[in-house]
Amino acid sequence: MAMMHNNLMAYYERIFAFKQYHGWSLFEIEELLPWELDVMMGLLSGYLEKQALDRKQASLNRQV
């Protein structure tokens, strides 16, 4: 039962991320093939990591 909960939570986290950061509709997200979803999640993750790094560097530059 716990595994189903983790999978369901991961599903909703993916849906939220694509809606939040790309403005995609639920229909567009659910039409992706599983491998397309994995690729897009990797790209989104990299994008968010880069944004966080850029914000951190900008904050450090303001302190100097």
PDB file of N, CA and C in Angstrom:
ATOM      1  N   MET A   1       0.821  -1.190   0.000  1.00  0.00           N
ATOM      2  CA  MET A   1       0.000   0.000   0.000  1.00  0.00           C
ATOM      3  C   MET A   1       0.868   1.258   0.000  1.00  0.00           C
ATOM      4  N   ALA A   2       1.950   1.265   0.739  1.00  0.00           N
ATOM      5  CA  ALA A   2       2.819   2.441   0.786  1.00  0.00           C
ATOM      6  C   ALA A   2       3.420   2.736  -0.580  1.00  0.00           C
ATOM      7  N   MET A   3       3.736   1.685  -1.337  1.00  0.00           N
ATOM      8  CA  MET A   3       4.316   1.896  -2.657  1.00  0.00           C
ATOM      9  C   MET A   3       3.330   2.591  -3.582  1.00  0.00           C
ATOM     10  N   MET A   4       2.057   2.226  -3.509  1.00  0.00           N
ATOM     11  CA  MET A   4       1.055   2.881  -4.336  1.00  0.00           C
ATOM     12  C   MET A   4       0.973   4.363  -3.976  1.00  0.00           C
ATOM     13  N   HIS A   5       1.059   4.666  -2.701  1.00  0.00           N
ATOM     14  CA  HIS A   5       1.008   6.052  -2.246  1.00  0.00           C
ATOM     15  C   HIS A   5       2.182   6.843  -2.823  1.00  0.00           C
ATOM     16  N   ASN A   6       3.392   6.240  -2.813  1.00  0.00           N
ATOM     17  CA  ASN A   6       4.564   6.919  -3.362  1.00  0.00           C
ATOM     18  C   ASN A   6       4.408   7.169  -4.852  1.00  0.00           C
ATOM     19  N   ASN A   7       3.891   6.197  -5.582  1.00  0.00           N
ATOM     20  CA  ASN A   7       3.697   6.368  -7.016  1.00  0.00           C
ATOM     21  C   ASN A   7       2.652   7.433  -7.310  1.00  0.00           C
ATOM     22  N   LEU A   8       1.585   7.441  -6.549  1.00  0.00           N
ATOM     23  CA  LEU A   8       0.536   8.432  -6.746  1.00  0.00           C
ATOM     24  C   LEU A   8       1.060   9.828  -6.411  1.00  0.00           C
ATOM     25  N   MET A   9       1.825   9.941  -5.351  1.00  0.00           N
ATOM     26  CA  MET A   9       2.398  11.230  -4.977  1.00  0.00           C
ATOM     27  C   MET A   9       3.366  11.719  -6.055  1.00  0.00           C
ATOM     28  N   ALA A  10       4.191  10.835  -6.574  1.00  0.00           N
ATOM     29  CA  ALA A  10       5.120  11.204  -7.648  1.00  0.00           C
ATOM     30  C   ALA A  10       4.356  11.672  -8.888  1.00  0.00           C
ATOM     31  N   TYR A  11       3.260  11.008  -9.194  1.00  0.00           N
ATOM     32  CA  TYR A  11       2.425  11.395 -10.334  1.00  0.00           C
ATOM     33  C   TYR A  11       1.918  12.830 -10.159  1.00  0.00           C
ATOM     34  N   TYR A  12       1.376  13.130  -8.983  1.00  0.00           N
ATOM     35  CA  TYR A  12       0.840  14.472  -8.748  1.00  0.00           C
ATOM     36  C   TYR A  12       1.949  15.523  -8.679  1.00  0.00           C
ATOM     37  N   GLU A  13       3.118  15.157  -8.200  1.00  0.00           N
ATOM     38  CA  GLU A  13       4.240  16.097  -8.197  1.00  0.00           C
ATOM     39  C   GLU A  13       4.655  16.440  -9.625  1.00  0.00           C
ATOM     40  N   ARG A  14       4.669  15.448 -10.505  1.00  0.00           N
ATOM     41  CA  ARG A  14       4.993  15.703 -11.912  1.00  0.00           C
ATOM     42  C   ARG A  14       3.952  16.602 -12.557  1.00  0.00           C
ATOM     43  N   ILE A  15       2.692  16.291 -12.339  1.00  0.00           N
ATOM     44  CA  ILE A  15       1.617  17.102 -12.904  1.00  0.00           C
ATOM     45  C   ILE A  15       1.760  18.547 -12.428  1.00  0.00           C
ATOM     46  N   PHE A  16       1.958  18.733 -11.125  1.00  0.00           N
ATOM     47  CA  PHE A  16       2.104  20.066 -10.558  1.00  0.00           C
ATOM     48  C   PHE A  16       3.284  20.803 -11.186  1.00  0.00           C
ATOM     49  N   ALA A  17       4.421  20.124 -11.308  1.00  0.00           N
ATOM     50  CA  ALA A  17       5.619  20.764 -11.854  1.00  0.00           C
ATOM     51  C   ALA A  17       5.391  21.248 -13.280  1.00  0.00           C
ATOM     52  N   PHE A  18       4.795  20.423 -14.123  1.00  0.00           N
ATOM     53  CA  PHE A  18       4.570  20.838 -15.504  1.00  0.00           C
ATOM     54  C   PHE A  18       3.527  21.944 -15.608  1.00  0.00           C
ATOM     55  N   LYS A  19       2.520  21.893 -14.787  1.00  0.00           N
ATOM     56  CA  LYS A  19       1.519  22.962 -14.796  1.00  0.00           C
ATOM     57  C   LYS A  19       2.121  24.262 -14.263  1.00  0.00           C
ATOM     58  N   GLN A  20       2.913  24.165 -13.207  1.00  0.00           N
ATOM     59  CA  GLN A  20       3.490  25.341 -12.559  1.00  0.00           C
ATOM     60  C   GLN A  20       4.551  26.012 -13.433  1.00  0.00           C
ATOM     61  N   TYR A  21       5.483  25.236 -13.977  1.00  0.00           N
ATOM     62  CA  TYR A  21       6.629  25.809 -14.660  1.00  0.00           C
ATOM     63  C   TYR A  21       6.446  25.947 -16.166  1.00  0.00           C
ATOM     64  N   HIS A  22       5.521  25.199 -16.750  1.00  0.00           N
ATOM     65  CA  HIS A  22       5.323  25.270 -18.197  1.00  0.00           C
ATOM     66  C   HIS A  22       3.927  25.712 -18.594  1.00  0.00           C
ATOM     67  N   GLY A  23       2.998  25.687 -17.655  1.00  0.00           N
ATOM     68  CA  GLY A  23       1.633  26.084 -17.974  1.00  0.00           C
ATOM     69  C   GLY A  23       0.904  25.065 -18.843  1.00  0.00           C
ATOM     70  N   TRP A  24       1.380  23.828 -18.833  1.00  0.00           N
ATOM     71  CA  TRP A  24       0.733  22.794 -19.636  1.00  0.00           C
ATOM     72  C   TRP A  24      -0.590  22.382 -19.004  1.00  0.00           C
ATOM     73  N   SER A  25      -1.501  21.946 -19.847  1.00  0.00           N
ATOM     74  CA  SER A  25      -2.775  21.438 -19.340  1.00  0.00           C
ATOM     75  C   SER A  25      -2.616  19.971 -18.940  1.00  0.00           C
ATOM     76  N   LEU A  26      -3.552  19.500 -18.151  1.00  0.00           N
ATOM     77  CA  LEU A  26      -3.542  18.100 -17.742  1.00  0.00           C
ATOM     78  C   LEU A  26      -3.598  17.192 -18.965  1.00  0.00           C
ATOM     79  N   PHE A  27      -4.387  17.556 -19.958  1.00  0.00           N
ATOM     80  CA  PHE A  27      -4.492  16.768 -21.188  1.00  0.00           C
ATOM     81  C   PHE A  27      -3.128  16.654 -21.876  1.00  0.00           C
ATOM     82  N   GLU A  28      -2.405  17.771 -22.001  1.00  0.00           N
ATOM     83  CA  GLU A  28      -1.096  17.747 -22.661  1.00  0.00           C
ATOM     84  C   GLU A  28      -0.108  16.843 -21.917  1.00  0.00           C
ATOM     85  N   ILE A  29      -0.148  16.900 -20.606  1.00  0.00           N
ATOM     86  CA  ILE A  29       0.775  16.101 -19.796  1.00  0.00           C
ATOM     87  C   ILE A  29       0.449  14.617 -19.919  1.00  0.00           C
ATOM     88  N   GLU A  30      -0.829  14.284 -19.840  1.00  0.00           N
ATOM     89  CA  GLU A  30      -1.212  12.874 -19.890  1.00  0.00           C
ATOM     90  C   GLU A  30      -1.060  12.273 -21.282  1.00  0.00           C
ATOM     91  N   GLU A  31      -0.953  13.098 -22.318  1.00  0.00           N
ATOM     92  CA  GLU A  31      -0.748  12.597 -23.676  1.00  0.00           C
ATOM     93  C   GLU A  31       0.708  12.245 -23.958  1.00  0.00           C
ATOM     94  N   LEU A  32       1.627  12.652 -23.070  1.00  0.00           N
ATOM     95  CA  LEU A  32       3.037  12.318 -23.268  1.00  0.00           C
ATOM     96  C   LEU A  32       3.237  10.812 -23.111  1.00  0.00           C
ATOM     97  N   LEU A  33       4.125  10.265 -23.902  1.00  0.00           N
ATOM     98  CA  LEU A  33       4.524   8.873 -23.731  1.00  0.00           C
ATOM     99  C   LEU A  33       5.379   8.778 -22.475  1.00  0.00           C
ATOM    100  N   PRO A  34       5.432   7.615 -21.843  1.00  0.00           N
ATOM    101  CA  PRO A  34       6.223   7.505 -20.595  1.00  0.00           C
ATOM    102  C   PRO A  34       7.664   7.969 -20.742  1.00  0.00           C
ATOM    103  N   TRP A  35       8.322   7.625 -21.836  1.00  0.00           N
ATOM    104  CA  TRP A  35       9.708   8.041 -22.004  1.00  0.00           C
ATOM    105  C   TRP A  35       9.805   9.538 -22.241  1.00  0.00           C
ATOM    106  N   GLU A  36       8.795  10.132 -22.904  1.00  0.00           N
ATOM    107  CA  GLU A  36       8.788  11.582 -23.091  1.00  0.00           C
ATOM    108  C   GLU A  36       8.660  12.296 -21.747  1.00  0.00           C
ATOM    109  N   LEU A  37       7.825  11.757 -20.887  1.00  0.00           N
ATOM    110  CA  LEU A  37       7.648  12.329 -19.554  1.00  0.00           C
ATOM    111  C   LEU A  37       8.954  12.266 -18.767  1.00  0.00           C
ATOM    112  N   ASP A  38       9.664  11.150 -18.869  1.00  0.00           N
ATOM    113  CA  ASP A  38      10.950  11.019 -18.174  1.00  0.00           C
ATOM    114  C   ASP A  38      11.969  12.035 -18.702  1.00  0.00           C
ATOM    115  N   VAL A  39      12.017  12.200 -20.013  1.00  0.00           N
ATOM    116  CA  VAL A  39      12.940  13.170 -20.611  1.00  0.00           C
ATOM    117  C   VAL A  39      12.588  14.579 -20.151  1.00  0.00           C
ATOM    118  N   MET A  40      11.313  14.926 -20.205  1.00  0.00           N
ATOM    119  CA  MET A  40      10.879  16.257 -19.808  1.00  0.00           C
ATOM    120  C   MET A  40      11.136  16.510 -18.320  1.00  0.00           C
ATOM    121  N   MET A  41      10.970  15.488 -17.491  1.00  0.00           N
ATOM    122  CA  MET A  41      11.263  15.643 -16.057  1.00  0.00           C
ATOM    123  C   MET A  41      12.752  15.913 -15.846  1.00  0.00           C
ATOM    124  N   GLY A  42      13.588  15.224 -16.599  1.00  0.00           N
ATOM    125  CA  GLY A  42      15.034  15.469 -16.501  1.00  0.00           C
ATOM    126  C   GLY A  42      15.389  16.883 -16.917  1.00  0.00           C
ATOM    127  N   LEU A  43      14.788  17.354 -18.000  1.00  0.00           N
ATOM    128  CA  LEU A  43      15.038  18.715 -18.456  1.00  0.00           C
ATOM    129  C   LEU A  43      14.528  19.743 -17.448  1.00  0.00           C
ATOM    130  N   LEU A  44      13.352  19.505 -16.910  1.00  0.00           N
ATOM    131  CA  LEU A  44      12.791  20.416 -15.914  1.00  0.00           C
ATOM    132  C   LEU A  44      13.668  20.447 -14.661  1.00  0.00           C
ATOM    133  N   SER A  45      14.122  19.305 -14.223  1.00  0.00           N
ATOM    134  CA  SER A  45      14.981  19.225 -13.046  1.00  0.00           C
ATOM    135  C   SER A  45      16.279  20.009 -13.269  1.00  0.00           C
ATOM    136  N   GLY A  46      16.891  19.838 -14.428  1.00  0.00           N
ATOM    137  CA  GLY A  46      18.107  20.573 -14.756  1.00  0.00           C
ATOM    138  C   GLY A  46      17.871  22.076 -14.805  1.00  0.00           C
ATOM    139  N   TYR A  47      16.751  22.469 -15.360  1.00  0.00           N
ATOM    140  CA  TYR A  47      16.387  23.881 -15.443  1.00  0.00           C
ATOM    141  C   TYR A  47      16.231  24.483 -14.044  1.00  0.00           C
ATOM    142  N   LEU A  48      15.533  23.783 -13.156  1.00  0.00           N
ATOM    143  CA  LEU A  48      15.319  24.290 -11.809  1.00  0.00           C
ATOM    144  C   LEU A  48      16.623  24.354 -11.017  1.00  0.00           C
ATOM    145  N   GLU A  49      17.496  23.371 -11.218  1.00  0.00           N
ATOM    146  CA  GLU A  49      18.795  23.393 -10.550  1.00  0.00           C
ATOM    147  C   GLU A  49      19.634  24.576 -11.023  1.00  0.00           C
ATOM    148  N   LYS A  50      19.594  24.853 -12.334  1.00  0.00           N
ATOM    149  CA  LYS A  50      20.346  25.986 -12.881  1.00  0.00           C
ATOM    150  C   LYS A  50      19.798  27.298 -12.330  1.00  0.00           C
ATOM    151  N   GLN A  51      18.485  27.425 -12.236  1.00  0.00           N
ATOM    152  CA  GLN A  51      17.898  28.640 -11.678  1.00  0.00           C
ATOM    153  C   GLN A  51      18.328  28.843 -10.235  1.00  0.00           C
ATOM    154  N   ALA A  52      18.325  27.783  -9.454  1.00  0.00           N
ATOM    155  CA  ALA A  52      18.730  27.883  -8.051  1.00  0.00           C
ATOM    156  C   ALA A  52      20.199  28.297  -7.951  1.00  0.00           C
ATOM    157  N   LEU A  53      21.044  27.731  -8.795  1.00  0.00           N
ATOM    158  CA  LEU A  53      22.463  28.077  -8.802  1.00  0.00           C
ATOM    159  C   LEU A  53      22.659  29.535  -9.207  1.00  0.00           C
ATOM    160  N   ASP A  54      21.932  29.981 -10.219  1.00  0.00           N
ATOM    161  CA  ASP A  54      22.024  31.374 -10.663  1.00  0.00           C
ATOM    162  C   ASP A  54      21.596  32.335  -9.555  1.00  0.00           C
ATOM    163  N   ARG A  55      20.509  31.994  -8.842  1.00  0.00           N
ATOM    164  CA  ARG A  55      20.058  32.847  -7.735  1.00  0.00           C
ATOM    165  C   ARG A  55      21.108  32.897  -6.628  1.00  0.00           C
ATOM    166  N   LYS A  56      21.716  31.763  -6.340  1.00  0.00           N
ATOM    167  CA  LYS A  56      22.737  31.706  -5.295  1.00  0.00           C
ATOM    168  C   LYS A  56      23.944  32.551  -5.681  1.00  0.00           C
ATOM    169  N   GLN A  57      24.381  32.448  -6.946  1.00  0.00           N
ATOM    170  CA  GLN A  57      25.525  33.230  -7.405  1.00  0.00           C
ATOM    171  C   GLN A  57      25.206  34.719  -7.399  1.00  0.00           C
ATOM    172  N   ALA A  58      23.997  35.088  -7.796  1.00  0.00           N
ATOM    173  CA  ALA A  58      23.606  36.498  -7.783  1.00  0.00           C
ATOM    174  C   ALA A  58      23.585  37.026  -6.359  1.00  0.00           C
ATOM    175  N   SER A  59      23.121  36.215  -5.427  1.00  0.00           N
ATOM    176  CA  SER A  59      23.110  36.623  -4.025  1.00  0.00           C
ATOM    177  C   SER A  59      24.522  36.811  -3.496  1.00  0.00           C
ATOM    178  N   LEU A  60      25.422  35.925  -3.858  1.00  0.00           N
ATOM    179  CA  LEU A  60      26.821  36.048  -3.428  1.00  0.00           C
ATOM    180  C   LEU A  60      27.458  37.286  -4.034  1.00  0.00           C
ATOM    181  N   ASN A  61      27.141  37.586  -5.293  1.00  0.00           N
ATOM    182  CA  ASN A  61      27.703  38.758  -5.967  1.00  0.00           C
ATOM    183  C   ASN A  61      27.223  40.056  -5.324  1.00  0.00           C
ATOM    184  N   ARG A  62      25.989  40.072  -4.834  1.00  0.00           N
ATOM    185  CA  ARG A  62      25.455  41.261  -4.174  1.00  0.00           C
ATOM    186  C   ARG A  62      26.133  41.487  -2.831  1.00  0.00           C
ATOM    187  N   GLN A  63      26.562  40.424  -2.180  1.00  0.00           N
ATOM    188  CA  GLN A  63      27.207  40.534  -0.880  1.00  0.00           C
ATOM    189  C   GLN A  63      28.629  41.060  -0.981  1.00  0.00           C
ATOM    190  N   VAL A  64      29.256  40.864  -2.120  1.00  0.00           N
ATOM    191  CA  VAL A  64      30.663  41.268  -2.295  1.00  0.00           C
ATOM    192  C   VAL A  64      30.778  42.708  -2.618  1.00  0.00           C
TER     193      VAL A  64
END
